[in-house]
Amino acid sequence: MAKLATGIEGFDELSRGGLPRHRTSLLIGGPGAGKTVFALQCLVNAARRQRAPGIFVAFEESPRQIIANGATFDWGLASLAEKELFFLDAHLSPTLVKAGDFDLAGMLAMLAAKKKEIGAQWIVFDGIDVLVTLLQDPVAEMQEIYRIRDWLADNALTAIVTAKLENRTSEAVHYGFLQFMADCVVRFERRQEDRVSAQSIQITKYRGSGYAAAEFPLSFGPSGIEVGAAEPAEIGHGASSERITAGFKRLDAMLGGGVFRGSSTLVTGVPGTAKTTLAGKFAEAACKRGERTLFVSYDEAAEEIARNLSSVGIQLKAHVKSGLLRMYSARTEGIGAEEHLTKLKSLIREHRPRCMVIDPLTAIAKAGSLGAARTVAHRLIYMVKDAGITLLVTALSETDDPRAESTDLQVSTIADTWIHLSYLVLSGERNRALTIIKSRGISHSNQVRELVLSKSGPTLTDVYSAGGEVLMGTLRWEKEAEESARKTRQRAEFDQKRRELQFAEAKTSAQIKALQMDLQKQRAELALYAGENEARKMSSSERENELRRRRSADPAGVSSRKSGNGAAK
């Protein structure tokens, strides 16, 4: 089936392309549900984007009122009304209708001429229920409605007909034949949910086309109606390998180098655990890189946040002044989640941030249904990731019980990184603790670290454990002092023992040296004694020989005579 895009964000997705071309679409709903705005927005978008003129036939409000009401949106409706759009005041006189000789033939003939004059491609019949009510004759009602149907078919116009109804029963009784005539039927509904007005839209019929049949939230923004259409079943956003800082070095170290560009980080914790401080540090780091950043805070003024963060060394005012940082604050009471999302979309379009902070995201669940808030939170995260924006959101935990770290919005399952902040109460002190529950694609630390705030900013202390327990605060200081004193004593005892051993070694070495000298002395004396003894031996032999010589005795001869004398005998 041929279709024409309405240009209404979300609706063209759930209708698979827009409204049926050259056919009739019926918009039904209660007062203030958005029927007239939807129809008028279709005409405006066609005129502005496709240069397709249109006609607006008003059975209920005057054209002047409609143009004045439309001026609240950024359409430039007054200018379009002079060139591209034609407004016809079709207020009916009750006297004329009751006279019995009323029909729409004259008005339709005039509209046909106007269609040719401006080249109209769209037409809206707004408030057809007024006509039906005034006729008070079922046969006349059907006659005039079918007259309009035949006229539309002859003039090849894409038509929108709006009709007001109070409840589903009245829809069945009064507008059953209208729905039969229309090729596309769209229901608008407005209801109260926990003191908040919630609006929705639902396609209940679409001949020859598939469509999303569920009920979807609807909201009004600066550009008109926005429909919270379901996200595509297939997730198609990219995945960057670039790392950026999560705020400060020690947190980056726990994350193995920071978070991925375009990822989403969830920071949870009870009040006072420094969630806003981490969010502010993340925003400041982004601005220092020269990146446009959007900081959205709920139920706390931007000026207060900037002032409070300056006490811990986070300076945001200069970045606000430079235009890099846009801070937006809003109350959440009495405003539905869908309206918050519409405003966030507008802020993103205006500021075009590379990084974004929402503090706290759970605030959007204060008013309206929790289910609607969960849906909005999920759509927001997917929308931001599709845009390549690096997101950090904080979420308030209702309890500090580590077994109940999840949040009411249930965004922990779709966040890429989840940082949990808590309190540890030990020895009469309450200390902040930080742990990383998960970080997709990152080998992160599993340690529980103490988060310390100072004038130079937030930081994480070194891990100190005793008896299998991580110590923090004064107890940590006492244990560290005790450990330092113990180590000092050990060093002193070691130094004393070392000196004693060195002295003993020196003493032993001296004794060895003295013994070696005695040994050398004794060896020298022994050598001298041996020499003298040898000399004495030699000297004795020499004296004997000298004595014999002086006695003229030949030792050899003496021996021979002694031998001869012996023989003579």
Protein backbone atom coordinates (compact mmCIF):
# COMPACT_ATOMS: atom_id res chain seq x y z
CA MET A 1 0.00 0.00 0.00
CA ALA A 2 1.20 3.51 -0.85
CA LYS A 3 1.73 5.65 2.23
CA LEU A 4 2.62 9.22 3.10
CA ALA A 5 4.96 9.86 6.03
CA THR A 6 3.45 12.01 8.74
CA GLY A 7 6.81 13.26 9.97
CA ILE A 8 5.66 12.57 13.53
CA GLU A 9 8.48 10.94 15.46
CA GLY A 10 7.61 7.38 16.40
CA PHE A 11 4.27 7.15 14.56
CA ASP A 12 5.78 6.46 11.15
CA GLU A 13 7.71 3.57 12.72
CA LEU A 14 4.72 1.90 14.35
CA SER A 15 2.54 2.47 11.23
CA ARG A 16 5.29 1.09 8.98
CA GLY A 17 5.56 4.26 6.92
CA GLY A 18 2.75 6.70 7.73
CA LEU A 19 -0.90 7.12 6.73
CA PRO A 20 -2.48 5.53 3.62
CA ARG A 21 -2.11 7.72 0.54
CA HIS A 22 -5.36 8.94 -1.11
CA ARG A 23 -7.38 7.21 1.60
CA THR A 24 -9.11 8.20 4.81
CA SER A 25 -7.72 7.90 8.31
CA LEU A 26 -9.95 8.31 11.36
CA LEU A 27 -8.60 9.74 14.64
CA ILE A 28 -10.82 9.11 17.65
CA GLY A 29 -10.34 9.97 21.31
CA GLY A 30 -11.50 12.04 24.25
CA PRO A 31 -11.06 15.78 24.74
CA GLY A 32 -7.44 16.93 24.90
CA ALA A 33 -6.08 13.57 23.76
CA GLY A 34 -4.15 15.07 20.83
CA LYS A 35 -6.33 14.42 17.77
CA THR A 36 -6.35 17.96 16.41
CA VAL A 37 -2.66 18.49 17.08
CA PHE A 38 -1.83 15.22 15.32
CA ALA A 39 -3.89 16.12 12.27
CA LEU A 40 -2.53 19.66 12.08
CA GLN A 41 1.04 18.42 12.53
CA CYS A 42 0.60 16.08 9.56
CA LEU A 43 -0.44 19.06 7.39
CA VAL A 44 2.43 21.21 8.67
CA ASN A 45 5.07 18.54 8.09
CA ALA A 46 3.79 17.84 4.58
CA ALA A 47 3.85 21.54 3.73
CA ARG A 48 7.29 22.21 5.24
CA ARG A 49 9.13 19.06 4.17
CA GLN A 50 7.40 18.01 0.96
CA ARG A 51 5.93 21.32 -0.26
CA ALA A 52 2.56 19.58 -0.26
CA PRO A 53 -0.29 22.07 0.41
CA GLY A 54 -3.20 21.06 2.61
CA ILE A 55 -6.71 22.05 3.69
CA PHE A 56 -8.00 22.14 7.28
CA VAL A 57 -11.78 22.07 7.74
CA ALA A 58 -12.74 23.05 11.30
CA PHE A 59 -16.20 21.99 12.49
CA GLU A 60 -15.58 22.83 16.16
CA GLU A 61 -12.91 25.50 16.74
CA SER A 62 -12.43 28.56 14.61
CA PRO A 63 -9.35 28.74 12.33
CA ARG A 64 -8.14 31.75 14.32
CA GLN A 65 -8.15 29.69 17.54
CA ILE A 66 -6.46 26.76 15.85
CA ILE A 67 -3.66 28.93 14.43
CA ALA A 68 -3.19 30.62 17.81
CA ASN A 69 -2.97 27.25 19.57
CA GLY A 70 -0.54 25.94 16.97
CA ALA A 71 1.76 28.90 17.59
CA THR A 72 2.91 27.17 20.81
CA PHE A 73 4.91 24.78 18.61
CA ASP A 74 7.89 25.67 16.44
CA TRP A 75 6.00 25.15 13.19
CA GLY A 76 5.72 28.70 11.91
CA LEU A 77 2.02 27.98 11.44
CA ALA A 78 0.96 31.58 10.81
CA SER A 79 3.34 31.82 7.87
CA LEU A 80 2.21 28.48 6.44
CA ALA A 81 -1.44 29.55 6.77
CA GLU A 82 -0.72 32.38 4.35
CA LYS A 83 0.94 30.23 1.68
CA GLU A 84 0.74 26.44 1.96
CA LEU A 85 -2.29 25.78 4.16
CA PHE A 86 -5.94 26.79 3.83
CA PHE A 87 -8.22 26.90 6.89
CA LEU A 88 -11.99 26.71 6.44
CA ASP A 89 -14.36 27.72 9.21
CA ALA A 90 -17.11 25.06 8.98
CA HIS A 91 -19.07 25.97 12.08
CA LEU A 92 -22.62 24.75 11.58
CA SER A 93 -25.74 26.61 12.64
CA PRO A 94 -28.00 24.39 14.79
CA THR A 95 -31.02 26.22 13.33
CA LEU A 96 -29.95 25.41 9.77
CA VAL A 97 -29.23 21.76 10.58
CA LYS A 98 -32.57 21.20 12.33
CA ALA A 99 -34.47 22.72 9.43
CA GLY A 100 -33.97 19.47 7.59
CA ASP A 101 -32.62 20.87 4.35
CA PHE A 102 -28.93 20.74 5.38
CA ASP A 103 -26.23 18.94 3.41
CA LEU A 104 -22.50 19.30 2.79
CA ALA A 105 -22.70 19.44 -1.00
CA GLY A 106 -22.07 23.19 -1.23
CA MET A 107 -19.10 23.12 1.14
CA LEU A 108 -17.54 20.14 -0.64
CA ALA A 109 -17.88 21.87 -4.00
CA MET A 110 -16.05 24.89 -2.63
CA LEU A 111 -13.35 22.63 -1.20
CA ALA A 112 -12.89 20.93 -4.57
CA ALA A 113 -12.28 24.32 -6.16
CA LYS A 114 -9.82 25.28 -3.44
CA LYS A 115 -8.02 21.97 -3.83
CA LYS A 116 -7.42 22.71 -7.52
CA GLU A 117 -6.39 26.27 -6.76
CA ILE A 118 -3.60 25.46 -4.28
CA GLY A 119 -2.81 21.93 -5.42
CA ALA A 120 -3.77 20.41 -2.07
CA GLN A 121 -2.69 16.84 -1.35
CA TRP A 122 -3.92 16.58 2.25
CA ILE A 123 -7.21 17.48 3.88
CA VAL A 124 -8.40 17.36 7.48
CA PHE A 125 -12.01 17.30 8.69
CA ASP A 126 -11.62 18.20 12.35
CA GLY A 127 -14.50 17.56 14.75
CA ILE A 128 -16.80 15.54 12.52
CA ASP A 129 -18.59 14.49 15.72
CA VAL A 130 -20.04 18.01 15.92
CA LEU A 131 -21.79 17.43 12.64
CA VAL A 132 -23.05 14.03 13.74
CA THR A 133 -24.38 15.45 17.00
CA LEU A 134 -26.23 18.32 15.32
CA LEU A 135 -27.95 16.12 12.74
CA GLN A 136 -29.64 13.93 15.39
CA ASP A 137 -30.78 11.56 12.68
CA PRO A 138 -28.92 8.30 12.05
CA VAL A 139 -29.94 8.22 8.41
CA ALA A 140 -28.82 11.82 7.84
CA GLU A 141 -25.60 11.12 9.70
CA MET A 142 -24.71 8.21 7.46
CA GLN A 143 -25.80 10.12 4.36
CA GLU A 144 -23.43 13.04 5.04
CA ILE A 145 -20.54 10.83 6.14
CA TYR A 146 -20.80 8.78 2.96
CA ARG A 147 -21.06 12.00 0.97
CA ILE A 148 -17.66 12.98 2.42
CA ARG A 149 -16.27 9.51 1.68
CA ASP A 150 -17.33 9.64 -1.97
CA TRP A 151 -16.01 13.17 -2.36
CA LEU A 152 -12.62 12.14 -0.97
CA ALA A 153 -12.45 9.18 -3.33
CA ASP A 154 -13.24 11.42 -6.34
CA ASN A 155 -10.63 14.03 -5.40
CA ALA A 156 -7.70 11.67 -4.60
CA LEU A 157 -6.81 13.36 -1.33
CA THR A 158 -5.08 11.90 1.70
CA ALA A 159 -7.69 12.61 4.36
CA ILE A 160 -7.74 12.76 8.14
CA VAL A 161 -11.05 12.82 10.00
CA THR A 162 -11.16 13.46 13.75
CA ALA A 163 -14.03 12.57 16.06
CA LYS A 164 -14.44 12.99 19.79
CA LEU A 165 -15.66 10.19 22.05
CA GLU A 166 -16.02 9.91 25.79
CA ASN A 167 -15.57 6.16 26.27
CA ARG A 168 -15.32 2.91 24.37
CA THR A 169 -19.09 2.37 24.54
CA SER A 170 -19.84 5.62 22.77
CA GLU A 171 -17.23 4.66 20.17
CA ALA A 172 -19.13 1.49 19.34
CA VAL A 173 -22.56 3.18 19.27
CA HIS A 174 -21.85 6.42 17.38
CA TYR A 175 -18.73 5.82 15.30
CA GLY A 176 -18.96 2.21 14.19
CA PHE A 177 -19.89 3.28 10.65
CA LEU A 178 -17.05 5.85 10.63
CA GLN A 179 -14.53 3.17 11.47
CA PHE A 180 -15.95 0.95 8.76
CA MET A 181 -15.50 3.76 6.25
CA ALA A 182 -11.92 4.57 7.26
CA ASP A 183 -8.91 2.62 6.00
CA CYS A 184 -6.87 3.48 9.08
CA VAL A 185 -8.20 4.07 12.61
CA VAL A 186 -6.04 5.61 15.31
CA ARG A 187 -7.26 5.82 18.91
CA PHE A 188 -6.02 8.54 21.29
CA GLU A 189 -6.51 8.14 25.03
CA ARG A 190 -5.87 10.34 28.04
CA ARG A 191 -6.02 8.97 31.59
CA GLN A 192 -4.75 9.68 35.09
CA GLU A 193 -1.95 7.53 36.52
CA ASP A 194 -0.80 8.36 40.04
CA ARG A 195 -1.73 12.03 39.76
CA VAL A 196 -0.13 12.33 36.32
CA SER A 197 -1.95 12.67 33.03
CA ALA A 198 -0.78 9.88 30.71
CA GLN A 199 -1.55 9.94 27.00
CA SER A 200 -1.34 7.08 24.55
CA ILE A 201 -1.92 6.25 20.91
CA GLN A 202 -2.97 2.98 19.29
CA ILE A 203 -3.62 1.91 15.72
CA THR A 204 -6.72 -0.29 15.86
CA LYS A 205 -7.18 -0.79 12.12
CA TYR A 206 -5.06 -0.47 8.98
CA ARG A 207 -6.37 -2.01 5.78
CA GLY A 208 -3.75 -3.65 3.58
CA SER A 209 -0.80 -2.95 5.88
CA GLY A 210 0.97 -4.33 8.87
CA TYR A 211 1.33 -2.16 11.95
CA ALA A 212 2.27 -2.23 15.61
CA ALA A 213 -1.01 -2.99 17.34
CA ALA A 214 0.09 -2.24 20.90
CA GLU A 215 -0.67 0.94 22.81
CA PHE A 216 2.23 3.42 22.83
CA PRO A 217 2.88 6.50 24.97
CA LEU A 218 2.39 9.93 23.48
CA SER A 219 3.79 13.28 24.58
CA PHE A 220 3.86 16.90 23.46
CA GLY A 221 7.18 18.61 22.82
CA PRO A 222 8.37 21.86 21.21
CA SER A 223 7.84 20.34 17.77
CA GLY A 224 4.46 18.82 18.53
CA ILE A 225 3.49 15.22 19.19
CA GLU A 226 6.11 12.54 19.74
CA VAL A 227 5.19 8.88 19.94
CA GLY A 228 7.17 6.49 22.07
CA ALA A 229 7.32 3.79 19.45
CA ALA A 230 8.87 0.45 20.28
CA GLU A 231 12.58 0.16 19.55
CA PRO A 232 13.63 -2.07 16.64
CA ALA A 233 13.98 -5.71 17.61
CA GLU A 234 17.50 -5.71 16.22
CA ILE A 235 20.07 -3.65 18.10
CA GLY A 236 22.29 -1.95 15.54
CA HIS A 237 24.43 0.67 17.28
CA GLY A 238 28.21 0.49 16.83
CA ALA A 239 30.81 -0.59 19.37
CA SER A 240 33.88 1.62 19.81
CA SER A 241 37.18 0.33 21.20
CA GLU A 242 38.24 3.79 22.33
CA ARG A 243 38.58 4.22 26.10
CA ILE A 244 37.78 7.43 27.95
CA THR A 245 38.17 8.25 31.61
CA ALA A 246 35.37 7.48 34.03
CA GLY A 247 36.42 10.53 36.03
CA PHE A 248 39.73 9.93 37.82
CA LYS A 249 42.82 7.73 37.51
CA ARG A 250 42.25 5.24 40.31
CA LEU A 251 38.73 4.46 39.10
CA ASP A 252 40.09 4.05 35.57
CA ALA A 253 42.69 1.63 36.95
CA MET A 254 39.91 -0.47 38.49
CA LEU A 255 38.20 -0.43 35.08
CA GLY A 256 41.33 -1.54 33.27
CA GLY A 257 41.80 1.83 31.55
CA GLY A 258 38.40 3.58 31.62
CA VAL A 259 35.03 3.01 29.95
CA PHE A 260 34.33 2.52 26.25
CA ARG A 261 33.30 5.48 24.12
CA GLY A 262 29.54 5.36 23.52
CA SER A 263 28.86 3.03 26.45
CA SER A 264 26.45 3.48 29.35
CA THR A 265 27.52 3.53 33.00
CA LEU A 266 25.14 3.09 35.93
CA VAL A 267 26.12 4.39 39.38
CA THR A 268 23.85 3.16 42.17
CA GLY A 269 23.75 3.83 45.90
CA VAL A 270 21.73 5.22 48.79
CA PRO A 271 21.63 8.99 49.41
CA GLY A 272 24.96 10.55 50.36
CA THR A 273 27.25 7.91 48.85
CA ALA A 274 28.70 10.44 46.33
CA LYS A 275 26.80 9.44 43.19
CA THR A 276 26.49 13.07 42.06
CA THR A 277 30.18 13.61 42.81
CA LEU A 278 31.19 10.79 40.46
CA ALA A 279 28.76 12.14 37.85
CA GLY A 280 30.24 15.62 38.18
CA LYS A 281 33.80 14.30 37.87
CA PHE A 282 32.81 12.43 34.71
CA ALA A 283 31.29 15.60 33.22
CA GLU A 284 34.31 17.71 34.17
CA ALA A 285 36.71 15.22 32.56
CA ALA A 286 34.65 15.29 29.34
CA CYS A 287 34.71 19.08 29.22
CA LYS A 288 38.49 19.11 29.81
CA ARG A 289 38.80 16.98 26.67
CA GLY A 290 36.86 19.69 24.82
CA GLU A 291 33.72 17.57 24.40
CA ARG A 292 30.20 18.98 24.57
CA THR A 293 28.45 17.58 27.63
CA LEU A 294 24.85 17.58 28.87
CA PHE A 295 24.24 17.35 32.64
CA VAL A 296 20.59 16.68 33.53
CA SER A 297 19.63 16.81 37.20
CA TYR A 298 16.25 16.21 38.77
CA ASP A 299 14.92 17.89 41.90
CA GLU A 300 18.14 19.85 42.49
CA ALA A 301 19.09 23.18 40.92
CA ALA A 302 22.07 23.33 38.59
CA GLU A 303 23.60 26.22 40.55
CA GLU A 304 23.45 24.20 43.75
CA ILE A 305 25.09 21.21 42.11
CA ALA A 306 27.92 23.35 40.70
CA ARG A 307 28.46 25.00 44.09
CA ASN A 308 28.43 21.72 46.01
CA LEU A 309 30.79 19.98 43.60
CA SER A 310 33.30 22.83 43.85
CA SER A 311 33.83 21.86 47.51
CA VAL A 312 35.41 18.60 46.34
CA GLY A 313 37.56 20.14 43.62
CA ILE A 314 35.11 19.72 40.71
CA GLN A 315 34.73 23.01 38.83
CA LEU A 316 31.81 23.10 36.39
CA LYS A 317 30.93 26.80 36.19
CA ALA A 318 33.79 27.63 33.84
CA HIS A 319 32.66 24.92 31.41
CA VAL A 320 29.06 26.18 31.58
CA LYS A 321 30.33 29.66 30.75
CA SER A 322 32.37 28.36 27.80
CA GLY A 323 29.31 26.61 26.36
CA LEU A 324 30.80 23.12 26.49
CA LEU A 325 28.59 22.12 29.41
CA ARG A 326 24.81 22.46 29.39
CA MET A 327 23.18 21.96 32.79
CA TYR A 328 19.43 21.38 32.93
CA SER A 329 17.41 20.91 36.11
CA ALA A 330 13.75 19.99 36.46
CA ARG A 331 11.20 18.93 39.03
CA THR A 332 9.72 15.48 38.67
CA GLU A 333 6.50 15.81 40.66
CA GLY A 334 3.42 15.93 38.46
CA ILE A 335 5.29 15.21 35.22
CA GLY A 336 5.12 11.86 33.48
CA ALA A 337 8.18 9.92 32.33
CA GLU A 338 7.23 10.36 28.69
CA GLU A 339 7.31 14.14 29.04
CA HIS A 340 10.76 13.94 30.60
CA LEU A 341 11.95 11.86 27.64
CA THR A 342 10.53 14.36 25.17
CA LYS A 343 12.43 17.17 26.89
CA LEU A 344 15.65 15.14 26.92
CA LYS A 345 15.31 14.52 23.19
CA SER A 346 14.94 18.25 22.66
CA LEU A 347 18.02 19.00 24.78
CA ILE A 348 20.09 16.45 22.89
CA ARG A 349 19.05 17.95 19.55
CA GLU A 350 19.94 21.44 20.75
CA HIS A 351 23.27 20.76 22.48
CA ARG A 352 24.56 17.75 20.44
CA PRO A 353 26.59 16.31 23.35
CA ARG A 354 29.27 13.64 23.15
CA CYS A 355 28.85 12.84 26.84
CA MET A 356 25.72 12.96 28.99
CA VAL A 357 24.85 12.69 32.69
CA ILE A 358 21.41 12.05 34.21
CA ASP A 359 21.27 12.43 37.98
CA PRO A 360 19.28 10.53 39.16
CA LEU A 361 17.46 8.57 36.48
CA THR A 362 15.19 6.99 39.09
CA ALA A 363 13.54 10.38 39.68
CA ILE A 364 11.40 9.95 36.56
CA ALA A 365 9.50 7.19 38.37
CA LYS A 366 8.22 9.55 41.07
CA ALA A 367 5.05 10.33 39.14
CA GLY A 368 3.01 8.05 36.93
CA SER A 369 3.26 4.31 36.65
CA LEU A 370 6.48 2.43 37.36
CA GLY A 371 6.00 0.41 34.18
CA ALA A 372 5.96 3.57 32.05
CA ALA A 373 9.08 4.86 33.80
CA ARG A 374 10.92 1.58 33.14
CA THR A 375 9.99 1.71 29.47
CA VAL A 376 11.18 5.30 29.16
CA ALA A 377 14.45 4.54 30.94
CA HIS A 378 15.21 1.66 28.58
CA ARG A 379 14.29 3.66 25.49
CA LEU A 380 16.43 6.56 26.69
CA ILE A 381 19.54 4.41 27.13
CA TYR A 382 19.10 2.77 23.73
CA MET A 383 18.45 6.15 22.09
CA VAL A 384 21.59 7.70 23.58
CA LYS A 385 23.74 4.71 22.62
CA ASP A 386 22.37 4.82 19.06
CA ALA A 387 23.55 8.44 18.91
CA GLY A 388 27.06 7.43 20.04
CA ILE A 389 26.80 9.44 23.26
CA THR A 390 28.74 8.21 26.29
CA LEU A 391 26.21 8.11 29.12
CA LEU A 392 26.50 8.05 32.90
CA VAL A 393 23.31 7.77 34.94
CA THR A 394 22.87 7.60 38.69
CA ALA A 395 20.12 5.62 40.36
CA LEU A 396 18.90 5.76 43.92
CA SER A 397 18.87 2.49 45.83
CA GLU A 398 16.22 2.10 48.49
CA THR A 399 18.48 0.04 50.76
CA ASP A 400 22.19 -0.28 51.46
CA ASP A 401 21.87 -4.03 51.65
CA PRO A 402 24.50 -5.38 49.20
CA ARG A 403 22.12 -8.21 48.33
CA ALA A 404 19.62 -5.69 46.94
CA GLU A 405 21.77 -3.57 44.62
CA SER A 406 19.31 -3.49 41.70
CA THR A 407 17.08 -0.47 41.06
CA ASP A 408 13.33 -0.07 40.50
CA LEU A 409 13.88 0.91 36.87
CA GLN A 410 15.74 -2.35 36.17
CA VAL A 411 18.33 -0.67 33.96
CA SER A 412 21.22 -2.60 35.49
CA THR A 413 20.72 -5.36 32.92
CA ILE A 414 21.19 -3.06 29.92
CA ALA A 415 23.92 -0.78 31.34
CA ASP A 416 27.43 -1.64 30.11
CA THR A 417 29.14 -0.73 33.38
CA TRP A 418 27.62 -0.88 36.86
CA ILE A 419 29.35 0.87 39.77
CA HIS A 420 27.80 0.48 43.20
CA LEU A 421 28.44 2.87 46.10
CA SER A 422 27.65 1.92 49.67
CA TYR A 423 28.36 2.67 53.33
CA LEU A 424 30.42 0.50 55.65
CA VAL A 425 29.83 1.21 59.33
CA LEU A 426 32.75 0.03 61.50
CA SER A 427 33.99 1.16 64.91
CA GLY A 428 31.52 4.04 65.10
CA GLU A 429 32.31 5.40 61.62
CA ARG A 430 30.42 5.50 58.33
CA ASN A 431 32.74 5.23 55.34
CA ARG A 432 31.98 5.19 51.61
CA ALA A 433 32.85 2.10 49.61
CA LEU A 434 33.01 1.57 45.85
CA THR A 435 32.83 -1.66 43.90
CA ILE A 436 32.41 -2.50 40.23
CA ILE A 437 29.64 -5.06 39.81
CA LYS A 438 30.08 -5.46 36.07
CA SER A 439 31.75 -3.86 33.06
CA ARG A 440 31.17 -5.52 29.72
CA GLY A 441 34.28 -6.22 27.68
CA ILE A 442 36.58 -5.02 30.47
CA SER A 443 38.73 -7.00 32.89
CA HIS A 444 37.78 -4.97 35.94
CA SER A 445 38.77 -5.15 39.60
CA ASN A 446 36.57 -7.05 42.02
CA GLN A 447 37.91 -5.25 45.09
CA VAL A 448 35.88 -3.14 47.49
CA ARG A 449 37.70 0.20 47.72
CA GLU A 450 37.22 3.09 50.11
CA LEU A 451 35.99 6.24 48.33
CA VAL A 452 37.45 9.38 49.89
CA LEU A 453 36.32 12.94 49.11
CA SER A 454 38.73 15.83 49.57
CA LYS A 455 39.30 19.35 48.27
CA SER A 456 41.34 17.89 45.43
CA GLY A 457 38.52 15.61 44.32
CA PRO A 458 37.40 12.02 44.85
CA THR A 459 39.93 9.21 45.04
CA LEU A 460 40.18 5.59 46.08
CA THR A 461 42.48 4.47 48.88
CA ASP A 462 44.83 1.51 48.60
CA VAL A 463 43.36 -1.80 49.63
CA TYR A 464 44.11 -2.71 53.24
CA SER A 465 42.74 -5.93 54.66
CA ALA A 466 43.13 -7.69 57.96
CA GLY A 467 41.70 -11.07 58.84
CA GLY A 468 40.03 -11.25 55.43
CA GLU A 469 38.19 -7.92 55.93
CA VAL A 470 38.79 -4.64 54.11
CA LEU A 471 39.45 -1.88 56.65
CA MET A 472 38.40 1.74 56.21
CA GLY A 473 38.49 5.05 58.03
CA THR A 474 39.96 5.39 61.53
CA LEU A 475 40.10 1.65 61.98
CA ARG A 476 42.21 1.46 58.86
CA TRP A 477 44.42 4.28 60.17
CA GLU A 478 44.89 2.54 63.51
CA LYS A 479 45.72 -0.75 61.86
CA GLU A 480 48.12 0.94 59.48
CA ALA A 481 49.81 2.78 62.40
CA GLU A 482 50.05 -0.47 64.33
CA GLU A 483 51.47 -2.25 61.32
CA SER A 484 53.93 0.59 60.75
CA ALA A 485 55.10 0.42 64.40
CA ARG A 486 55.47 -3.35 64.13
CA LYS A 487 57.53 -3.00 61.00
CA THR A 488 59.65 -0.30 62.68
CA ARG A 489 60.33 -2.63 65.59
CA GLN A 490 61.20 -5.43 63.23
CA ARG A 491 63.61 -3.18 61.37
CA ALA A 492 65.25 -2.07 64.65
CA GLU A 493 65.56 -5.68 65.82
CA PHE A 494 67.01 -6.66 62.49
CA ASP A 495 69.50 -3.81 62.57
CA GLN A 496 70.55 -4.75 66.11
CA LYS A 497 70.97 -8.40 65.20
CA ARG A 498 72.87 -7.43 62.08
CA ARG A 499 75.25 -5.28 64.10
CA GLU A 500 75.79 -8.09 66.61
CA LEU A 501 76.56 -10.54 63.87
CA GLN A 502 78.89 -8.07 62.19
CA PHE A 503 80.73 -7.57 65.50
CA ALA A 504 80.98 -11.31 66.07
CA GLU A 505 82.21 -11.73 62.54
CA ALA A 506 84.83 -9.03 63.01
CA LYS A 507 85.91 -10.57 66.33
CA THR A 508 86.20 -14.02 64.83
CA SER A 509 88.06 -12.63 61.85
CA ALA A 510 90.52 -10.90 64.20
CA GLN A 511 91.00 -14.11 66.16
CA ILE A 512 91.61 -16.01 62.96
CA LYS A 513 94.15 -13.42 61.89
CA ALA A 514 95.97 -13.64 65.27
CA LEU A 515 96.07 -17.43 65.06
CA GLN A 516 97.35 -17.21 61.53
CA MET A 517 100.14 -14.89 62.75
CA ASP A 518 101.01 -17.31 65.59
CA LEU A 519 101.06 -20.12 63.11
CA GLN A 520 103.36 -18.20 60.83
CA LYS A 521 105.62 -17.36 63.82
CA GLN A 522 105.77 -20.97 64.92
CA ARG A 523 106.54 -22.10 61.40
CA ALA A 524 109.33 -19.54 61.20
CA GLU A 525 110.79 -20.68 64.54
CA LEU A 526 110.59 -24.30 63.42
CA ALA A 527 112.42 -23.47 60.22
CA LEU A 528 115.08 -21.58 62.16
CA TYR A 529 115.55 -24.43 64.58
CA ALA A 530 115.87 -26.92 61.76
CA GLY A 531 118.47 -24.72 60.07
CA GLU A 532 120.50 -24.31 63.21
CA ASN A 533 120.41 -28.05 63.86
CA GLU A 534 121.65 -28.76 60.38
CA ALA A 535 124.35 -26.20 60.77
CA ARG A 536 125.43 -27.76 64.02
CA LYS A 537 125.67 -31.15 62.36
CA MET A 538 127.83 -29.79 59.56
CA SER A 539 130.02 -27.81 61.94
CA SER A 540 130.69 -30.89 64.11
CA SER A 541 131.86 -32.97 61.15
CA GLU A 542 134.05 -30.21 59.90
CA ARG A 543 135.75 -29.79 63.30
CA GLU A 544 136.52 -33.48 63.51
CA ASN A 545 138.10 -33.46 60.07
CA GLU A 546 140.10 -30.37 60.94
CA LEU A 547 141.38 -31.95 64.10
CA ARG A 548 142.51 -35.02 62.27
CA ARG A 549 144.19 -32.94 59.66
CA ARG A 550 146.15 -31.11 62.31
CA ARG A 551 147.21 -34.42 63.80
CA SER A 552 148.47 -35.45 60.36
CA ALA A 553 146.17 -38.37 60.38
CA ASP A 554 144.77 -39.56 57.18
CA PRO A 555 141.46 -40.92 57.78
CA ALA A 556 141.79 -43.41 54.93
CA GLY A 557 145.33 -44.35 55.99
CA VAL A 558 144.37 -44.75 59.59
CA SER A 559 141.72 -47.10 58.51
CA SER A 560 144.23 -49.11 56.39
CA ARG A 561 146.73 -49.38 59.22
CA LYS A 562 144.05 -50.51 61.44
CA SER A 563 143.20 -53.17 58.96
CA GLY A 564 146.90 -54.21 58.42
CA ASN A 565 147.72 -54.38 62.09
CA GLY A 566 144.82 -56.57 62.51
CA ALA A 567 146.08 -58.87 59.78
CA ALA A 568 149.68 -59.11 61.26
CA LYS A 569 148.31 -60.24 64.46
